[in-house]
């Protein structure tokens, strides 16, 4: 346990936001439920009045970290979004794994990434490097300071090459998974993400979207609901990177109260918030789930609007 505590404190001192994983496991220790199953019984969720997931719980607060890792031998997760990290996850080819055309002869993600760099005239710069429990490699890079927020990808760059960024986490050095240790291979500050990699990982631009039109009438109640919608849309579109999903949930709870009170239809609330979320850079599937969860939570506290 002291070694895990020391490792967790060391990661936090680098500015990386850490949170507990189940001992010897990859899964977050807290919370023990998904957003859509949140009943408010969890103390953190109850205090906040909303679901608090692992990313919200990630911290650099040294006192909180000491309390958590003094209690149990938790593994260490690093939340990539708040830590402003992009981690390239390079796997080892599994026995019997069939490679797609063009990748025959590649035995690991590192050879795939090396070939990709050569094709794009790029380099793989030395950076903070971790060897995973299954002998794969995690390359830690700084998230670009300009451009779109990068998110998780699976085999977008090629087979055996995944990435973890906003909305994702990695098992940190000092942890074990199934008794296999994660160890530091190169202890240095993360390098800036190479431009050629940032370009390949940038999300495709969104197609032009038609605004959602909500018919609310012209009376005082309609004006109130219209202002409430505008306020919550602004909350979502104005949220900082790493805060967008949480802001979307809060907005959905607020509009969910109006839906439950009969002032707004559920379809209109869903459509307006989904469009705001996607325009802010969230993925459609992620936005849908978050809005559904927030509307459900808001429905527990209906809000009436005077006519």
C-alpha atoms as a PDB file:
ATOM      1  CA  UNK A   1       0.000   0.000   0.000  1.00  0.00           C
ATOM      2  CA  UNK A   2       2.772   2.561   0.766  1.00  0.00           C
ATOM      3  CA  UNK A   3       4.199   2.018  -2.731  1.00  0.00           C
ATOM      4  CA  UNK A   4       0.780   2.626  -4.319  1.00  0.00           C
ATOM      5  CA  UNK A   5       0.289   5.734  -2.193  1.00  0.00           C
ATOM      6  CA  UNK A   6       3.737   7.013  -3.131  1.00  0.00           C
ATOM      7  CA  UNK A   7       3.031   6.357  -6.817  1.00  0.00           C
ATOM      8  CA  UNK A   8      -0.385   8.079  -6.663  1.00  0.00           C
ATOM      9  CA  UNK A   9       1.137  11.130  -4.971  1.00  0.00           C
ATOM     10  CA  UNK A  10       3.917  11.238  -7.550  1.00  0.00           C
ATOM     11  CA  UNK A  11       1.463  11.234 -10.443  1.00  0.00           C
ATOM     12  CA  UNK A  12      -0.598  13.987  -8.820  1.00  0.00           C
ATOM     13  CA  UNK A  13       2.507  16.103  -8.288  1.00  0.00           C
ATOM     14  CA  UNK A  14       2.978  16.037 -12.061  1.00  0.00           C
ATOM     15  CA  UNK A  15      -0.484  17.575 -12.371  1.00  0.00           C
ATOM     16  CA  UNK A  16      -2.173  14.318 -13.362  1.00  0.00           C
ATOM     17  CA  UNK A  17      -5.630  13.712 -11.931  1.00  0.00           C
ATOM     18  CA  UNK A  18      -5.782  10.301 -10.265  1.00  0.00           C
ATOM     19  CA  UNK A  19      -8.617   8.170  -8.934  1.00  0.00           C
ATOM     20  CA  UNK A  20      -8.830   4.725  -7.297  1.00  0.00           C
ATOM     21  CA  UNK A  21      -9.169   1.547  -9.312  1.00  0.00           C
ATOM     22  CA  UNK A  22     -10.318  -1.706  -7.765  1.00  0.00           C
ATOM     23  CA  UNK A  23      -7.282  -3.468  -6.281  1.00  0.00           C
ATOM     24  CA  UNK A  24      -5.362  -5.415  -8.954  1.00  0.00           C
ATOM     25  CA  UNK A  25      -8.032  -4.477 -11.532  1.00  0.00           C
ATOM     26  CA  UNK A  26      -8.621  -1.977 -14.343  1.00  0.00           C
ATOM     27  CA  UNK A  27     -12.117  -0.960 -13.248  1.00  0.00           C
ATOM     28  CA  UNK A  28     -12.803   2.209 -11.248  1.00  0.00           C
ATOM     29  CA  UNK A  29     -13.429   1.576  -7.557  1.00  0.00           C
ATOM     30  CA  UNK A  30     -15.987   4.403  -7.408  1.00  0.00           C
ATOM     31  CA  UNK A  31     -18.788   4.887  -8.203  1.00  0.00           C
ATOM     32  CA  UNK A  32     -20.289   1.402  -8.249  1.00  0.00           C
ATOM     33  CA  UNK A  33     -23.066   2.384 -10.671  1.00  0.00           C
ATOM     34  CA  UNK A  34     -23.563   3.986 -14.087  1.00  0.00           C
ATOM     35  CA  UNK A  35     -25.057   7.450 -14.520  1.00  0.00           C
ATOM     36  CA  UNK A  36     -28.407   6.101 -15.683  1.00  0.00           C
ATOM     37  CA  UNK A  37     -28.632   3.952 -12.534  1.00  0.00           C
ATOM     38  CA  UNK A  38     -27.782   6.742 -10.087  1.00  0.00           C
ATOM     39  CA  UNK A  39     -30.239   6.874  -7.181  1.00  0.00           C
ATOM     40  CA  UNK A  40     -28.359   9.440  -5.101  1.00  0.00           C
ATOM     41  CA  UNK A  41     -27.367   6.930  -2.424  1.00  0.00           C
ATOM     42  CA  UNK A  42     -23.663   7.372  -3.113  1.00  0.00           C
ATOM     43  CA  UNK A  43     -22.443  10.144  -0.731  1.00  0.00           C
ATOM     44  CA  UNK A  44     -20.658  12.102  -3.493  1.00  0.00           C
ATOM     45  CA  UNK A  45     -23.687  11.921  -5.791  1.00  0.00           C
ATOM     46  CA  UNK A  46     -26.032  12.888  -2.963  1.00  0.00           C
ATOM     47  CA  UNK A  47     -23.923  15.898  -1.971  1.00  0.00           C
ATOM     48  CA  UNK A  48     -23.708  17.146  -5.554  1.00  0.00           C
ATOM     49  CA  UNK A  49     -27.337  16.417  -6.407  1.00  0.00           C
ATOM     50  CA  UNK A  50     -26.235  14.568  -9.532  1.00  0.00           C
ATOM     51  CA  UNK A  51     -24.200  11.582 -10.677  1.00  0.00           C
ATOM     52  CA  UNK A  52     -20.480  11.899  -9.954  1.00  0.00           C
ATOM     53  CA  UNK A  53     -18.450   9.572 -12.145  1.00  0.00           C
ATOM     54  CA  UNK A  54     -14.826   8.514 -12.003  1.00  0.00           C
ATOM     55  CA  UNK A  55     -13.651  11.513 -14.051  1.00  0.00           C
ATOM     56  CA  UNK A  56     -15.297  13.956 -11.638  1.00  0.00           C
ATOM     57  CA  UNK A  57     -13.650  12.137  -8.732  1.00  0.00           C
ATOM     58  CA  UNK A  58     -10.154  12.289 -10.217  1.00  0.00           C
ATOM     59  CA  UNK A  59      -8.015  14.717  -8.243  1.00  0.00           C
ATOM     60  CA  UNK A  60      -4.594  16.205  -7.600  1.00  0.00           C
ATOM     61  CA  UNK A  61      -5.505  16.964  -3.963  1.00  0.00           C
ATOM     62  CA  UNK A  62      -2.725  15.301  -1.979  1.00  0.00           C
ATOM     63  CA  UNK A  63      -4.765  15.029   1.217  1.00  0.00           C
ATOM     64  CA  UNK A  64      -7.626  13.253  -0.563  1.00  0.00           C
ATOM     65  CA  UNK A  65      -5.141  10.918  -2.205  1.00  0.00           C
ATOM     66  CA  UNK A  66      -3.507  10.076   1.141  1.00  0.00           C
ATOM     67  CA  UNK A  67      -6.879   9.266   2.689  1.00  0.00           C
ATOM     68  CA  UNK A  68      -7.951   7.028  -0.192  1.00  0.00           C
ATOM     69  CA  UNK A  69      -4.752   5.037  -0.663  1.00  0.00           C
ATOM     70  CA  UNK A  70      -4.192   4.681   3.094  1.00  0.00           C
ATOM     71  CA  UNK A  71      -7.525   2.861   3.313  1.00  0.00           C
ATOM     72  CA  UNK A  72      -7.041   0.138   0.682  1.00  0.00           C
ATOM     73  CA  UNK A  73      -4.420  -0.947  -1.898  1.00  0.00           C
ATOM     74  CA  UNK A  74      -6.290   0.657  -4.769  1.00  0.00           C
ATOM     75  CA  UNK A  75      -4.868   0.644  -8.255  1.00  0.00           C
ATOM     76  CA  UNK A  76      -4.248   4.050  -9.784  1.00  0.00           C
ATOM     77  CA  UNK A  77      -6.200   5.468 -12.695  1.00  0.00           C
ATOM     78  CA  UNK A  78      -5.185   8.657 -14.491  1.00  0.00           C
ATOM     79  CA  UNK A  79      -8.048  10.650 -16.039  1.00  0.00           C
ATOM     80  CA  UNK A  80      -6.577  11.844 -19.330  1.00  0.00           C
ATOM     81  CA  UNK A  81      -8.995  14.720 -20.008  1.00  0.00           C
ATOM     82  CA  UNK A  82      -8.429  16.748 -16.811  1.00  0.00           C
ATOM     83  CA  UNK A  83      -4.726  15.849 -16.941  1.00  0.00           C
ATOM     84  CA  UNK A  84      -4.459  17.247 -20.493  1.00  0.00           C
ATOM     85  CA  UNK A  85      -2.900  14.000 -21.708  1.00  0.00           C
ATOM     86  CA  UNK A  86      -3.156  11.952 -24.875  1.00  0.00           C
ATOM     87  CA  UNK A  87      -1.914   8.416 -24.270  1.00  0.00           C
ATOM     88  CA  UNK A  88      -1.060   6.166 -27.213  1.00  0.00           C
ATOM     89  CA  UNK A  89      -1.836   2.584 -26.207  1.00  0.00           C
ATOM     90  CA  UNK A  90       0.285   0.093 -28.157  1.00  0.00           C
ATOM     91  CA  UNK A  91      -0.730  -3.538 -27.794  1.00  0.00           C
ATOM     92  CA  UNK A  92       1.075  -6.791 -28.542  1.00  0.00           C
ATOM     93  CA  UNK A  93      -0.352  -9.079 -31.224  1.00  0.00           C
ATOM     94  CA  UNK A  94      -2.313 -11.887 -29.584  1.00  0.00           C
ATOM     95  CA  UNK A  95      -1.871 -15.544 -30.606  1.00  0.00           C
ATOM     96  CA  UNK A  96      -4.120 -16.277 -33.561  1.00  0.00           C
ATOM     97  CA  UNK A  97      -5.000 -12.616 -34.104  1.00  0.00           C
ATOM     98  CA  UNK A  98      -5.741 -11.966 -37.781  1.00  0.00           C
ATOM     99  CA  UNK A  99      -4.274  -8.764 -39.154  1.00  0.00           C
ATOM    100  CA  UNK A 100      -6.109  -6.664 -41.763  1.00  0.00           C
ATOM    101  CA  UNK A 101      -4.661  -6.234 -45.274  1.00  0.00           C
ATOM    102  CA  UNK A 102      -1.564  -4.096 -45.294  1.00  0.00           C
ATOM    103  CA  UNK A 103      -0.541  -5.021 -41.755  1.00  0.00           C
ATOM    104  CA  UNK A 104       0.759  -8.551 -42.195  1.00  0.00           C
ATOM    105  CA  UNK A 105       4.087  -8.964 -40.447  1.00  0.00           C
ATOM    106  CA  UNK A 106       3.335  -6.380 -37.754  1.00  0.00           C
ATOM    107  CA  UNK A 107       3.728  -7.991 -34.364  1.00  0.00           C
ATOM    108  CA  UNK A 108       2.840  -5.056 -32.135  1.00  0.00           C
ATOM    109  CA  UNK A 109       1.331  -1.612 -32.080  1.00  0.00           C
ATOM    110  CA  UNK A 110       4.763   0.001 -31.945  1.00  0.00           C
ATOM    111  CA  UNK A 111       5.678  -1.335 -35.393  1.00  0.00           C
ATOM    112  CA  UNK A 112       2.317  -0.120 -36.732  1.00  0.00           C
ATOM    113  CA  UNK A 113       2.896   3.344 -35.262  1.00  0.00           C
ATOM    114  CA  UNK A 114       6.478   3.446 -36.590  1.00  0.00           C
ATOM    115  CA  UNK A 115       5.287   2.597 -40.107  1.00  0.00           C
ATOM    116  CA  UNK A 116       2.549   5.228 -39.827  1.00  0.00           C
ATOM    117  CA  UNK A 117       5.078   7.871 -38.791  1.00  0.00           C
ATOM    118  CA  UNK A 118       7.261   7.022 -41.773  1.00  0.00           C
ATOM    119  CA  UNK A 119       4.301   7.360 -44.164  1.00  0.00           C
ATOM    120  CA  UNK A 120       3.503  10.798 -42.797  1.00  0.00           C
ATOM    121  CA  UNK A 121       7.066  12.031 -42.548  1.00  0.00           C
ATOM    122  CA  UNK A 122       6.764  12.205 -38.763  1.00  0.00           C
ATOM    123  CA  UNK A 123       8.692  11.041 -35.750  1.00  0.00           C
ATOM    124  CA  UNK A 124       7.860   9.272 -32.493  1.00  0.00           C
ATOM    125  CA  UNK A 125       9.423  11.603 -29.992  1.00  0.00           C
ATOM    126  CA  UNK A 126      10.818  10.303 -26.669  1.00  0.00           C
ATOM    127  CA  UNK A 127       8.232  10.848 -23.971  1.00  0.00           C
ATOM    128  CA  UNK A 128       7.032   9.446 -20.651  1.00  0.00           C
ATOM    129  CA  UNK A 129       6.591   5.741 -21.323  1.00  0.00           C
ATOM    130  CA  UNK A 130       4.938   2.941 -19.357  1.00  0.00           C
ATOM    131  CA  UNK A 131       5.150  -0.797 -19.982  1.00  0.00           C
ATOM    132  CA  UNK A 132       1.738  -2.354 -19.343  1.00  0.00           C
ATOM    133  CA  UNK A 133       0.957  -5.574 -17.543  1.00  0.00           C
ATOM    134  CA  UNK A 134       0.688  -7.466 -20.830  1.00  0.00           C
ATOM    135  CA  UNK A 135       3.974  -5.988 -22.139  1.00  0.00           C
ATOM    136  CA  UNK A 136       2.301  -3.362 -24.255  1.00  0.00           C
ATOM    137  CA  UNK A 137       3.356   0.287 -24.221  1.00  0.00           C
ATOM    138  CA  UNK A 138       1.691   3.539 -23.150  1.00  0.00           C
ATOM    139  CA  UNK A 139       3.206   6.691 -24.650  1.00  0.00           C
ATOM    140  CA  UNK A 140       2.107   9.803 -22.729  1.00  0.00           C
ATOM    141  CA  UNK A 141       1.884  13.090 -24.650  1.00  0.00           C
ATOM    142  CA  UNK A 142       0.641  16.574 -23.834  1.00  0.00           C
ATOM    143  CA  UNK A 143      -2.741  17.349 -25.381  1.00  0.00           C
ATOM    144  CA  UNK A 144      -2.381  20.125 -28.000  1.00  0.00           C
ATOM    145  CA  UNK A 145      -3.061  23.606 -26.651  1.00  0.00           C
ATOM    146  CA  UNK A 146      -4.974  24.577 -29.792  1.00  0.00           C
ATOM    147  CA  UNK A 147      -7.414  22.777 -32.048  1.00  0.00           C
ATOM    148  CA  UNK A 148     -10.235  20.392 -31.198  1.00  0.00           C
ATOM    149  CA  UNK A 149     -10.440  18.302 -28.051  1.00  0.00           C
ATOM    150  CA  UNK A 150      -9.117  14.830 -28.804  1.00  0.00           C
ATOM    151  CA  UNK A 151     -11.037  11.841 -27.524  1.00  0.00           C
ATOM    152  CA  UNK A 152     -10.547   8.086 -27.219  1.00  0.00           C
ATOM    153  CA  UNK A 153     -10.023   6.049 -30.376  1.00  0.00           C
ATOM    154  CA  UNK A 154      -9.902   2.316 -31.070  1.00  0.00           C
ATOM    155  CA  UNK A 155      -7.750   1.182 -34.022  1.00  0.00           C
ATOM    156  CA  UNK A 156      -8.305   4.522 -35.784  1.00  0.00           C
ATOM    157  CA  UNK A 157      -4.561   4.794 -36.371  1.00  0.00           C
ATOM    158  CA  UNK A 158      -4.200   1.085 -37.122  1.00  0.00           C
ATOM    159  CA  UNK A 159      -4.541  -2.327 -35.485  1.00  0.00           C
ATOM    160  CA  UNK A 160      -3.137  -2.651 -31.965  1.00  0.00           C
ATOM    161  CA  UNK A 161      -3.050   1.153 -31.631  1.00  0.00           C
ATOM    162  CA  UNK A 162      -5.645   2.847 -29.432  1.00  0.00           C
ATOM    163  CA  UNK A 163      -5.648   6.255 -27.789  1.00  0.00           C
ATOM    164  CA  UNK A 164      -6.945   7.621 -24.513  1.00  0.00           C
ATOM    165  CA  UNK A 165      -7.721  11.313 -24.182  1.00  0.00           C
ATOM    166  CA  UNK A 166     -10.773  13.312 -23.036  1.00  0.00           C
ATOM    167  CA  UNK A 167     -13.309  10.916 -21.550  1.00  0.00           C
ATOM    168  CA  UNK A 168     -10.739   8.147 -21.073  1.00  0.00           C
ATOM    169  CA  UNK A 169      -8.288   6.898 -18.500  1.00  0.00           C
ATOM    170  CA  UNK A 170      -5.230   4.676 -18.251  1.00  0.00           C
ATOM    171  CA  UNK A 171      -3.896   2.393 -15.546  1.00  0.00           C
ATOM    172  CA  UNK A 172      -0.930   4.229 -14.058  1.00  0.00           C
ATOM    173  CA  UNK A 173       2.564   2.984 -13.326  1.00  0.00           C
ATOM    174  CA  UNK A 174       2.788   1.508  -9.847  1.00  0.00           C
ATOM    175  CA  UNK A 175      -0.468  -0.426 -10.303  1.00  0.00           C
ATOM    176  CA  UNK A 176      -0.995  -4.091 -11.055  1.00  0.00           C
ATOM    177  CA  UNK A 177      -3.743  -5.790 -13.048  1.00  0.00           C
ATOM    178  CA  UNK A 178      -4.173  -9.548 -12.549  1.00  0.00           C
ATOM    179  CA  UNK A 179      -0.858  -9.395 -10.594  1.00  0.00           C
ATOM    180  CA  UNK A 180       0.960  -7.980 -13.654  1.00  0.00           C
ATOM    181  CA  UNK A 181       2.731  -4.676 -12.906  1.00  0.00           C
ATOM    182  CA  UNK A 182       2.622  -1.426 -14.876  1.00  0.00           C
ATOM    183  CA  UNK A 183       6.126   0.029 -14.800  1.00  0.00           C
ATOM    184  CA  UNK A 184       7.820   3.220 -15.973  1.00  0.00           C
ATOM    185  CA  UNK A 185      10.083   2.570 -18.947  1.00  0.00           C
ATOM    186  CA  UNK A 186      11.158   6.172 -19.574  1.00  0.00           C
ATOM    187  CA  UNK A 187      10.684   8.689 -16.757  1.00  0.00           C
ATOM    188  CA  UNK A 188      10.589  12.107 -18.383  1.00  0.00           C
ATOM    189  CA  UNK A 189       8.015  14.826 -18.913  1.00  0.00           C
ATOM    190  CA  UNK A 190       5.416  14.050 -21.590  1.00  0.00           C
ATOM    191  CA  UNK A 191       6.377  15.547 -24.927  1.00  0.00           C
ATOM    192  CA  UNK A 192       3.914  17.610 -26.957  1.00  0.00           C
ATOM    193  CA  UNK A 193       1.775  15.351 -29.140  1.00  0.00           C
ATOM    194  CA  UNK A 194       3.441  15.309 -32.577  1.00  0.00           C
ATOM    195  CA  UNK A 195       1.526  17.417 -35.075  1.00  0.00           C
ATOM    196  CA  UNK A 196       1.158  14.549 -37.534  1.00  0.00           C
ATOM    197  CA  UNK A 197      -0.535  12.463 -34.832  1.00  0.00           C
ATOM    198  CA  UNK A 198      -2.769  15.340 -33.719  1.00  0.00           C
ATOM    199  CA  UNK A 199      -3.902  15.800 -37.336  1.00  0.00           C
ATOM    200  CA  UNK A 200      -4.768  12.104 -37.707  1.00  0.00           C
ATOM    201  CA  UNK A 201      -6.662  12.052 -34.406  1.00  0.00           C
ATOM    202  CA  UNK A 202      -8.628  15.266 -34.935  1.00  0.00           C
ATOM    203  CA  UNK A 203     -12.364  14.552 -35.238  1.00  0.00           C
ATOM    204  CA  UNK A 204     -13.965  15.111 -38.619  1.00  0.00           C
ATOM    205  CA  UNK A 205     -15.697  18.511 -38.905  1.00  0.00           C
ATOM    206  CA  UNK A 206     -19.398  18.405 -38.230  1.00  0.00           C
ATOM    207  CA  UNK A 207     -21.765  18.819 -41.167  1.00  0.00           C
ATOM    208  CA  UNK A 208     -23.959  21.932 -41.089  1.00  0.00           C
ATOM    209  CA  UNK A 209     -26.854  21.359 -38.725  1.00  0.00           C
ATOM    210  CA  UNK A 210     -30.337  22.773 -38.952  1.00  0.00           C
ATOM    211  CA  UNK A 211     -31.371  24.403 -35.692  1.00  0.00           C
ATOM    212  CA  UNK A 212     -34.016  22.626 -33.642  1.00  0.00           C
ATOM    213  CA  UNK A 213     -37.204  24.689 -33.570  1.00  0.00           C
ATOM    214  CA  UNK A 214     -39.301  24.375 -30.414  1.00  0.00           C
ATOM    215  CA  UNK A 215     -42.850  25.768 -30.537  1.00  0.00           C
ATOM    216  CA  UNK A 216     -43.444  27.320 -27.129  1.00  0.00           C
ATOM    217  CA  UNK A 217     -46.035  29.947 -27.850  1.00  0.00           C
ATOM    218  CA  UNK A 218     -45.803  33.668 -27.077  1.00  0.00           C
ATOM    219  CA  UNK A 219     -47.217  33.865 -23.548  1.00  0.00           C
ATOM    220  CA  UNK A 220     -45.239  34.419 -20.357  1.00  0.00           C
ATOM    221  CA  UNK A 221     -44.746  30.695 -19.757  1.00  0.00           C
ATOM    222  CA  UNK A 222     -43.380  30.238 -23.268  1.00  0.00           C
ATOM    223  CA  UNK A 223     -40.933  33.104 -22.752  1.00  0.00           C
ATOM    224  CA  UNK A 224     -39.757  31.578 -19.470  1.00  0.00           C
ATOM    225  CA  UNK A 225     -39.136  28.161 -20.998  1.00  0.00           C
ATOM    226  CA  UNK A 226     -37.464  29.710 -24.041  1.00  0.00           C
ATOM    227  CA  UNK A 227     -35.051  31.559 -21.751  1.00  0.00           C
ATOM    228  CA  UNK A 228     -34.414  28.381 -19.754  1.00  0.00           C
ATOM    229  CA  UNK A 229     -33.553  26.456 -22.929  1.00  0.00           C
ATOM    230  CA  UNK A 230     -31.203  29.215 -24.104  1.00  0.00           C
ATOM    231  CA  UNK A 231     -29.497  29.282 -20.712  1.00  0.00           C
ATOM    232  CA  UNK A 232     -28.902  25.522 -20.685  1.00  0.00           C
ATOM    233  CA  UNK A 233     -27.736  25.454 -24.303  1.00  0.00           C
ATOM    234  CA  UNK A 234     -25.229  28.205 -23.457  1.00  0.00           C
ATOM    235  CA  UNK A 235     -24.088  26.133 -20.474  1.00  0.00           C
ATOM    236  CA  UNK A 236     -23.250  23.234 -22.796  1.00  0.00           C
ATOM    237  CA  UNK A 237     -21.715  25.135 -25.700  1.00  0.00           C
ATOM    238  CA  UNK A 238     -19.697  27.398 -23.400  1.00  0.00           C
ATOM    239  CA  UNK A 239     -18.261  24.602 -21.251  1.00  0.00           C
ATOM    240  CA  UNK A 240     -14.500  24.189 -21.163  1.00  0.00           C
ATOM    241  CA  UNK A 241     -12.901  21.011 -22.550  1.00  0.00           C
ATOM    242  CA  UNK A 242     -13.185  18.281 -19.962  1.00  0.00           C
ATOM    243  CA  UNK A 243     -16.299  19.887 -18.461  1.00  0.00           C
ATOM    244  CA  UNK A 244     -18.679  19.452 -21.391  1.00  0.00           C
ATOM    245  CA  UNK A 245     -20.211  16.125 -20.432  1.00  0.00           C
ATOM    246  CA  UNK A 246     -20.800  17.261 -16.860  1.00  0.00           C
ATOM    247  CA  UNK A 247     -22.327  20.538 -18.074  1.00  0.00           C
ATOM    248  CA  UNK A 248     -24.581  18.598 -20.425  1.00  0.00           C
ATOM    249  CA  UNK A 249     -25.808  16.452 -17.557  1.00  0.00           C
ATOM    250  CA  UNK A 250     -26.583  19.508 -15.413  1.00  0.00           C
ATOM    251  CA  UNK A 251     -28.441  21.111 -18.335  1.00  0.00           C
ATOM    252  CA  UNK A 252     -30.441  17.923 -18.924  1.00  0.00           C
ATOM    253  CA  UNK A 253     -31.439  17.753 -15.255  1.00  0.00           C
ATOM    254  CA  UNK A 254     -32.694  21.361 -15.419  1.00  0.00           C
ATOM    255  CA  UNK A 255     -34.750  20.784 -18.572  1.00  0.00           C
ATOM    256  CA  UNK A 256     -35.885  17.395 -17.255  1.00  0.00           C
ATOM    257  CA  UNK A 257     -37.579  19.225 -14.401  1.00  0.00           C
ATOM    258  CA  UNK A 258     -39.505  21.341 -16.914  1.00  0.00           C
ATOM    259  CA  UNK A 259     -40.412  18.234 -18.911  1.00  0.00           C
ATOM    260  CA  UNK A 260     -41.773  16.576 -15.787  1.00  0.00           C
ATOM    261  CA  UNK A 261     -43.744  19.721 -15.005  1.00  0.00           C
ATOM    262  CA  UNK A 262     -45.366  19.669 -18.429  1.00  0.00           C
ATOM    263  CA  UNK A 263     -43.755  22.868 -19.748  1.00  0.00           C
ATOM    264  CA  UNK A 264     -41.613  21.151 -22.394  1.00  0.00           C
ATOM    265  CA  UNK A 265     -41.787  17.897 -24.318  1.00  0.00           C
ATOM    266  CA  UNK A 266     -39.136  15.279 -23.711  1.00  0.00           C
ATOM    267  CA  UNK A 267     -38.386  15.006 -27.445  1.00  0.00           C
ATOM    268  CA  UNK A 268     -37.753  18.757 -27.707  1.00  0.00           C
ATOM    269  CA  UNK A 269     -35.469  18.762 -24.666  1.00  0.00           C
ATOM    270  CA  UNK A 270     -33.549  15.754 -25.994  1.00  0.00           C
ATOM    271  CA  UNK A 271     -33.137  17.248 -29.472  1.00  0.00           C
ATOM    272  CA  UNK A 272     -32.052  20.702 -28.294  1.00  0.00           C
ATOM    273  CA  UNK A 273     -29.467  19.375 -25.848  1.00  0.00           C
ATOM    274  CA  UNK A 274     -28.099  16.713 -28.177  1.00  0.00           C
ATOM    275  CA  UNK A 275     -27.523  19.297 -30.888  1.00  0.00           C
ATOM    276  CA  UNK A 276     -25.804  21.628 -28.429  1.00  0.00           C
ATOM    277  CA  UNK A 277     -23.595  18.788 -27.197  1.00  0.00           C
ATOM    278  CA  UNK A 278     -22.549  17.648 -30.655  1.00  0.00           C
ATOM    279  CA  UNK A 279     -21.794  21.230 -31.724  1.00  0.00           C
ATOM    280  CA  UNK A 280     -19.608  21.521 -28.592  1.00  0.00           C
ATOM    281  CA  UNK A 281     -17.601  18.467 -29.625  1.00  0.00           C
ATOM    282  CA  UNK A 282     -19.215  15.540 -27.822  1.00  0.00           C
ATOM    283  CA  UNK A 283     -19.962  12.347 -29.709  1.00  0.00           C
ATOM    284  CA  UNK A 284     -23.588  11.694 -30.602  1.00  0.00           C
ATOM    285  CA  UNK A 285     -23.835   8.414 -28.671  1.00  0.00           C
ATOM    286  CA  UNK A 286     -22.226   9.940 -25.587  1.00  0.00           C
ATOM    287  CA  UNK A 287     -24.500  12.994 -25.780  1.00  0.00           C
ATOM    288  CA  UNK A 288     -27.584  10.806 -26.095  1.00  0.00           C
ATOM    289  CA  UNK A 289     -26.720   8.769 -23.008  1.00  0.00           C
ATOM    290  CA  UNK A 290     -25.897  11.811 -20.896  1.00  0.00           C
ATOM    291  CA  UNK A 291     -29.059  13.665 -21.873  1.00  0.00           C
ATOM    292  CA  UNK A 292     -31.209  10.611 -21.178  1.00  0.00           C
ATOM    293  CA  UNK A 293     -29.598  10.239 -17.754  1.00  0.00           C
ATOM    294  CA  UNK A 294     -30.055  13.926 -16.913  1.00  0.00           C
ATOM    295  CA  UNK A 295     -33.670  14.050 -18.060  1.00  0.00           C
ATOM    296  CA  UNK A 296     -34.441  10.989 -15.945  1.00  0.00           C
ATOM    297  CA  UNK A 297     -32.831  12.574 -12.880  1.00  0.00           C
ATOM    298  CA  UNK A 298     -34.622  15.879 -13.466  1.00  0.00           C
ATOM    299  CA  UNK A 299     -37.978  14.116 -13.766  1.00  0.00           C
ATOM    300  CA  UNK A 300     -37.753  13.235 -10.076  1.00  0.00           C
ATOM    301  CA  UNK A 301     -38.127  16.942  -9.224  1.00  0.00           C
ATOM    302  CA  UNK A 302     -40.843  18.399 -11.505  1.00  0.00           C
ATOM    303  CA  UNK A 303     -40.896  22.172 -11.928  1.00  0.00           C
ATOM    304  CA  UNK A 304     -44.125  23.953 -12.813  1.00  0.00           C
ATOM    305  CA  UNK A 305     -44.177  27.145 -14.877  1.00  0.00           C
ATOM    306  CA  UNK A 306     -46.905  29.676 -14.200  1.00  0.00           C
ATOM    307  CA  UNK A 307     -49.068  30.492 -17.206  1.00  0.00           C
END
